[in-house]
Amino acid sequence: MQGFLTPRAACECCGLDFAFADSGDGPAVFIMFIAGFLVVGAALLVELRYEPPFWVHALLWIPFVLIVSLGLLRPLKGLMIALQYANKAEEGRLER
């Protein structure tokens, strides 16, 4: 699973060393907001329009949450690492 949850050691094309890259929890937070917004909105719409039993909601939304979460994880981790590189982000230091 190298490359899906953790960045590769270096870029295969240009050889850029990814040792500086640490996306942290940023992508997970954005994914929770996006997936939560989509799932809650869609579940409310389905509930108000069709009024299905709760097992139908579980059948619909559990796979949807997994697909959205895992589908967005890699692109958002890549975006966070690319933004760190483009903005030359480093660890914060206190000036004295």
N, C-alpha and C. Protein backbone atom coordinates (compact mmCIF):
# COMPACT_ATOMS: atom_id res chain seq x y z
N MET A 1 0.82 -1.19 0.00
CA MET A 1 0.00 0.00 0.00
C MET A 1 0.87 1.26 0.00
N GLN A 2 2.13 1.13 -0.31
CA GLN A 2 3.01 2.29 -0.41
C GLN A 2 2.44 3.24 -1.45
N GLY A 3 2.25 4.48 -1.07
CA GLY A 3 1.73 5.46 -2.00
C GLY A 3 0.25 5.75 -1.80
N PHE A 4 -0.52 4.84 -1.18
CA PHE A 4 -1.94 5.13 -0.97
C PHE A 4 -2.14 5.90 0.33
N LEU A 5 -1.62 5.38 1.42
CA LEU A 5 -1.74 6.07 2.69
C LEU A 5 -0.48 6.84 3.06
N THR A 6 0.65 6.43 2.54
CA THR A 6 1.90 7.12 2.82
C THR A 6 2.52 7.56 1.50
N PRO A 7 3.18 8.71 1.48
CA PRO A 7 3.81 9.15 0.24
C PRO A 7 5.01 8.28 -0.11
N ARG A 8 5.29 8.19 -1.37
CA ARG A 8 6.47 7.44 -1.82
C ARG A 8 7.73 8.18 -1.34
N ALA A 9 8.85 7.50 -1.37
CA ALA A 9 10.11 8.10 -0.92
C ALA A 9 10.56 9.21 -1.85
N ALA A 10 10.32 9.04 -3.16
CA ALA A 10 10.72 10.05 -4.14
C ALA A 10 9.80 9.95 -5.35
N CYS A 11 9.73 11.04 -6.10
CA CYS A 11 8.91 11.07 -7.32
C CYS A 11 9.53 10.16 -8.37
N GLU A 12 8.68 9.36 -9.02
CA GLU A 12 9.19 8.44 -10.05
C GLU A 12 9.63 9.18 -11.30
N CYS A 13 9.07 10.36 -11.56
CA CYS A 13 9.39 11.10 -12.79
C CYS A 13 10.62 12.00 -12.62
N CYS A 14 10.60 12.86 -11.59
CA CYS A 14 11.66 13.85 -11.47
C CYS A 14 12.66 13.56 -10.35
N GLY A 15 12.36 12.59 -9.47
CA GLY A 15 13.27 12.23 -8.40
C GLY A 15 13.21 13.13 -7.19
N LEU A 16 12.18 14.00 -7.07
CA LEU A 16 12.04 14.88 -5.92
C LEU A 16 11.90 14.04 -4.65
N ASP A 17 12.72 14.36 -3.64
CA ASP A 17 12.68 13.64 -2.37
C ASP A 17 11.49 14.15 -1.56
N PHE A 18 10.63 13.23 -1.13
CA PHE A 18 9.44 13.59 -0.38
C PHE A 18 9.66 13.53 1.13
N ALA A 19 10.90 13.59 1.59
CA ALA A 19 11.18 13.53 3.02
C ALA A 19 10.57 14.73 3.76
N PHE A 20 10.42 15.86 3.07
CA PHE A 20 9.86 17.06 3.68
C PHE A 20 8.35 16.95 3.88
N ALA A 21 7.71 16.04 3.19
CA ALA A 21 6.25 16.00 3.11
C ALA A 21 5.63 15.33 4.33
N ASP A 22 4.71 16.06 4.95
CA ASP A 22 3.90 15.50 6.03
C ASP A 22 2.54 16.18 5.97
N SER A 23 1.58 15.50 5.39
CA SER A 23 0.26 16.11 5.24
C SER A 23 -0.52 16.12 6.54
N GLY A 24 -0.10 15.33 7.51
CA GLY A 24 -0.76 15.33 8.81
C GLY A 24 -2.21 14.89 8.72
N ASP A 25 -3.05 15.52 9.53
CA ASP A 25 -4.47 15.18 9.56
C ASP A 25 -5.30 16.10 8.68
N GLY A 26 -4.68 17.00 7.94
CA GLY A 26 -5.41 17.94 7.10
C GLY A 26 -6.36 17.28 6.12
N PRO A 27 -5.89 16.32 5.32
CA PRO A 27 -6.79 15.68 4.37
C PRO A 27 -7.96 14.96 5.04
N ALA A 28 -7.70 14.33 6.17
CA ALA A 28 -8.78 13.61 6.87
C ALA A 28 -9.87 14.57 7.34
N VAL A 29 -9.48 15.74 7.81
CA VAL A 29 -10.47 16.73 8.26
C VAL A 29 -11.32 17.19 7.09
N PHE A 30 -10.69 17.53 5.98
CA PHE A 30 -11.46 17.98 4.82
C PHE A 30 -12.37 16.87 4.30
N ILE A 31 -11.89 15.65 4.31
CA ILE A 31 -12.71 14.52 3.84
C ILE A 31 -13.91 14.32 4.76
N MET A 32 -13.72 14.47 6.07
CA MET A 32 -14.86 14.33 6.99
C MET A 32 -15.91 15.40 6.71
N PHE A 33 -15.47 16.62 6.46
CA PHE A 33 -16.43 17.69 6.15
C PHE A 33 -17.16 17.41 4.84
N ILE A 34 -16.42 17.04 3.81
CA ILE A 34 -17.03 16.80 2.49
C ILE A 34 -17.96 15.60 2.54
N ALA A 35 -17.48 14.48 3.07
CA ALA A 35 -18.30 13.27 3.13
C ALA A 35 -19.51 13.48 4.04
N GLY A 36 -19.32 14.14 5.14
CA GLY A 36 -20.44 14.41 6.04
C GLY A 36 -21.50 15.26 5.39
N PHE A 37 -21.08 16.30 4.70
CA PHE A 37 -22.02 17.17 4.00
C PHE A 37 -22.81 16.40 2.95
N LEU A 38 -22.10 15.60 2.15
CA LEU A 38 -22.77 14.83 1.09
C LEU A 38 -23.72 13.78 1.66
N VAL A 39 -23.26 13.03 2.64
CA VAL A 39 -24.07 11.93 3.18
C VAL A 39 -25.27 12.46 3.95
N VAL A 40 -25.07 13.44 4.80
CA VAL A 40 -26.20 13.97 5.57
C VAL A 40 -27.22 14.61 4.64
N GLY A 41 -26.76 15.37 3.65
CA GLY A 41 -27.70 15.97 2.70
C GLY A 41 -28.47 14.94 1.91
N ALA A 42 -27.76 13.94 1.40
CA ALA A 42 -28.43 12.90 0.61
C ALA A 42 -29.35 12.05 1.48
N ALA A 43 -28.94 11.73 2.70
CA ALA A 43 -29.79 10.94 3.59
C ALA A 43 -31.06 11.70 3.97
N LEU A 44 -30.93 12.99 4.22
CA LEU A 44 -32.12 13.79 4.51
C LEU A 44 -33.05 13.86 3.31
N LEU A 45 -32.49 14.03 2.14
CA LEU A 45 -33.31 14.08 0.93
C LEU A 45 -34.05 12.76 0.72
N VAL A 46 -33.36 11.64 0.87
CA VAL A 46 -33.98 10.32 0.70
C VAL A 46 -35.03 10.10 1.79
N GLU A 47 -34.72 10.49 3.02
CA GLU A 47 -35.68 10.30 4.12
C GLU A 47 -36.95 11.11 3.90
N LEU A 48 -36.79 12.35 3.50
CA LEU A 48 -37.97 13.19 3.31
C LEU A 48 -38.80 12.79 2.09
N ARG A 49 -38.14 12.31 1.06
CA ARG A 49 -38.86 11.99 -0.17
C ARG A 49 -39.46 10.58 -0.15
N TYR A 50 -38.71 9.57 0.35
CA TYR A 50 -39.15 8.18 0.23
C TYR A 50 -39.49 7.51 1.56
N GLU A 51 -38.99 8.04 2.69
CA GLU A 51 -39.18 7.47 4.02
C GLU A 51 -38.88 5.97 4.09
N PRO A 52 -37.66 5.56 3.71
CA PRO A 52 -37.33 4.13 3.77
C PRO A 52 -37.03 3.70 5.21
N PRO A 53 -37.02 2.41 5.48
CA PRO A 53 -36.62 1.94 6.82
C PRO A 53 -35.12 2.20 7.04
N PHE A 54 -34.71 2.11 8.31
CA PHE A 54 -33.33 2.45 8.64
C PHE A 54 -32.32 1.51 8.02
N TRP A 55 -32.66 0.24 7.81
CA TRP A 55 -31.71 -0.69 7.21
C TRP A 55 -31.40 -0.29 5.77
N VAL A 56 -32.33 0.35 5.09
CA VAL A 56 -32.07 0.84 3.73
C VAL A 56 -31.07 1.99 3.78
N HIS A 57 -31.22 2.86 4.78
CA HIS A 57 -30.24 3.93 4.94
C HIS A 57 -28.84 3.35 5.17
N ALA A 58 -28.74 2.36 6.03
CA ALA A 58 -27.44 1.73 6.30
C ALA A 58 -26.87 1.12 5.02
N LEU A 59 -27.74 0.46 4.27
CA LEU A 59 -27.31 -0.17 3.02
C LEU A 59 -26.83 0.85 2.00
N LEU A 60 -27.45 2.01 1.99
CA LEU A 60 -27.07 3.06 1.04
C LEU A 60 -25.84 3.84 1.47
N TRP A 61 -25.81 4.29 2.72
CA TRP A 61 -24.84 5.32 3.11
C TRP A 61 -23.52 4.78 3.62
N ILE A 62 -23.48 3.57 4.16
CA ILE A 62 -22.19 3.03 4.60
C ILE A 62 -21.24 2.83 3.42
N PRO A 63 -21.67 2.18 2.33
CA PRO A 63 -20.76 2.09 1.18
C PRO A 63 -20.44 3.45 0.56
N PHE A 64 -21.41 4.36 0.56
CA PHE A 64 -21.19 5.69 0.00
C PHE A 64 -20.11 6.44 0.79
N VAL A 65 -20.16 6.35 2.12
CA VAL A 65 -19.15 7.00 2.96
C VAL A 65 -17.77 6.40 2.68
N LEU A 66 -17.69 5.09 2.57
CA LEU A 66 -16.40 4.44 2.29
C LEU A 66 -15.84 4.84 0.93
N ILE A 67 -16.70 4.87 -0.08
CA ILE A 67 -16.25 5.24 -1.42
C ILE A 67 -15.78 6.69 -1.47
N VAL A 68 -16.55 7.59 -0.88
CA VAL A 68 -16.16 9.01 -0.89
C VAL A 68 -14.88 9.21 -0.08
N SER A 69 -14.80 8.60 1.09
CA SER A 69 -13.63 8.80 1.95
C SER A 69 -12.36 8.25 1.30
N LEU A 70 -12.41 7.02 0.85
CA LEU A 70 -11.21 6.43 0.25
C LEU A 70 -10.90 7.03 -1.12
N GLY A 71 -11.94 7.44 -1.83
CA GLY A 71 -11.72 8.06 -3.14
C GLY A 71 -11.06 9.42 -3.06
N LEU A 72 -11.34 10.16 -1.99
CA LEU A 72 -10.75 11.50 -1.84
C LEU A 72 -9.44 11.50 -1.08
N LEU A 73 -9.12 10.41 -0.40
CA LEU A 73 -7.94 10.41 0.46
C LEU A 73 -6.64 10.69 -0.31
N ARG A 74 -6.40 9.95 -1.35
CA ARG A 74 -5.14 10.10 -2.08
C ARG A 74 -5.02 11.46 -2.79
N PRO A 75 -6.08 11.93 -3.49
CA PRO A 75 -5.95 13.26 -4.11
C PRO A 75 -5.74 14.38 -3.09
N LEU A 76 -6.41 14.33 -1.95
CA LEU A 76 -6.24 15.40 -0.98
C LEU A 76 -4.89 15.33 -0.28
N LYS A 77 -4.36 14.13 -0.05
CA LYS A 77 -3.00 14.02 0.49
C LYS A 77 -2.00 14.59 -0.52
N GLY A 78 -2.19 14.27 -1.80
CA GLY A 78 -1.32 14.82 -2.83
C GLY A 78 -1.41 16.33 -2.92
N LEU A 79 -2.62 16.86 -2.78
CA LEU A 79 -2.81 18.31 -2.82
C LEU A 79 -2.11 18.98 -1.64
N MET A 80 -2.23 18.41 -0.45
CA MET A 80 -1.58 18.99 0.71
C MET A 80 -0.05 18.97 0.56
N ILE A 81 0.49 17.89 0.05
CA ILE A 81 1.94 17.80 -0.16
C ILE A 81 2.38 18.79 -1.24
N ALA A 82 1.59 18.90 -2.32
CA ALA A 82 1.92 19.85 -3.38
C ALA A 82 1.87 21.29 -2.87
N LEU A 83 0.90 21.61 -2.02
CA LEU A 83 0.83 22.96 -1.45
C LEU A 83 2.00 23.23 -0.51
N GLN A 84 2.43 22.22 0.23
CA GLN A 84 3.61 22.39 1.09
C GLN A 84 4.84 22.70 0.23
N TYR A 85 4.98 21.99 -0.87
CA TYR A 85 6.14 22.19 -1.74
C TYR A 85 6.07 23.56 -2.42
N ALA A 86 4.91 23.92 -2.94
CA ALA A 86 4.77 25.18 -3.67
C ALA A 86 4.97 26.38 -2.76
N ASN A 87 4.55 26.28 -1.51
CA ASN A 87 4.66 27.41 -0.58
C ASN A 87 5.88 27.32 0.33
N LYS A 88 6.74 26.33 0.05
CA LYS A 88 7.97 26.13 0.83
C LYS A 88 7.66 26.08 2.34
N ALA A 89 6.65 25.30 2.69
CA ALA A 89 6.23 25.19 4.10
C ALA A 89 7.28 24.40 4.89
N GLU A 90 7.54 24.86 6.07
CA GLU A 90 8.48 24.20 6.97
C GLU A 90 7.87 24.17 8.37
N GLU A 91 8.53 23.45 9.25
CA GLU A 91 8.09 23.45 10.64
C GLU A 91 8.25 24.83 11.21
N GLY A 92 7.30 25.21 12.06
CA GLY A 92 7.37 26.53 12.69
C GLY A 92 8.52 26.62 13.67
N ARG A 93 9.15 27.77 13.71
CA ARG A 93 10.25 28.01 14.65
C ARG A 93 10.00 29.32 15.38
N LEU A 94 10.36 29.36 16.62
CA LEU A 94 10.24 30.59 17.38
C LEU A 94 11.47 31.45 17.17
N GLU A 95 11.25 32.73 16.86
CA GLU A 95 12.39 33.64 16.71
C GLU A 95 12.73 34.22 18.06
N ARG A 96 14.01 34.33 18.33
CA ARG A 96 14.45 34.91 19.59
C ARG A 96 15.37 36.07 19.32
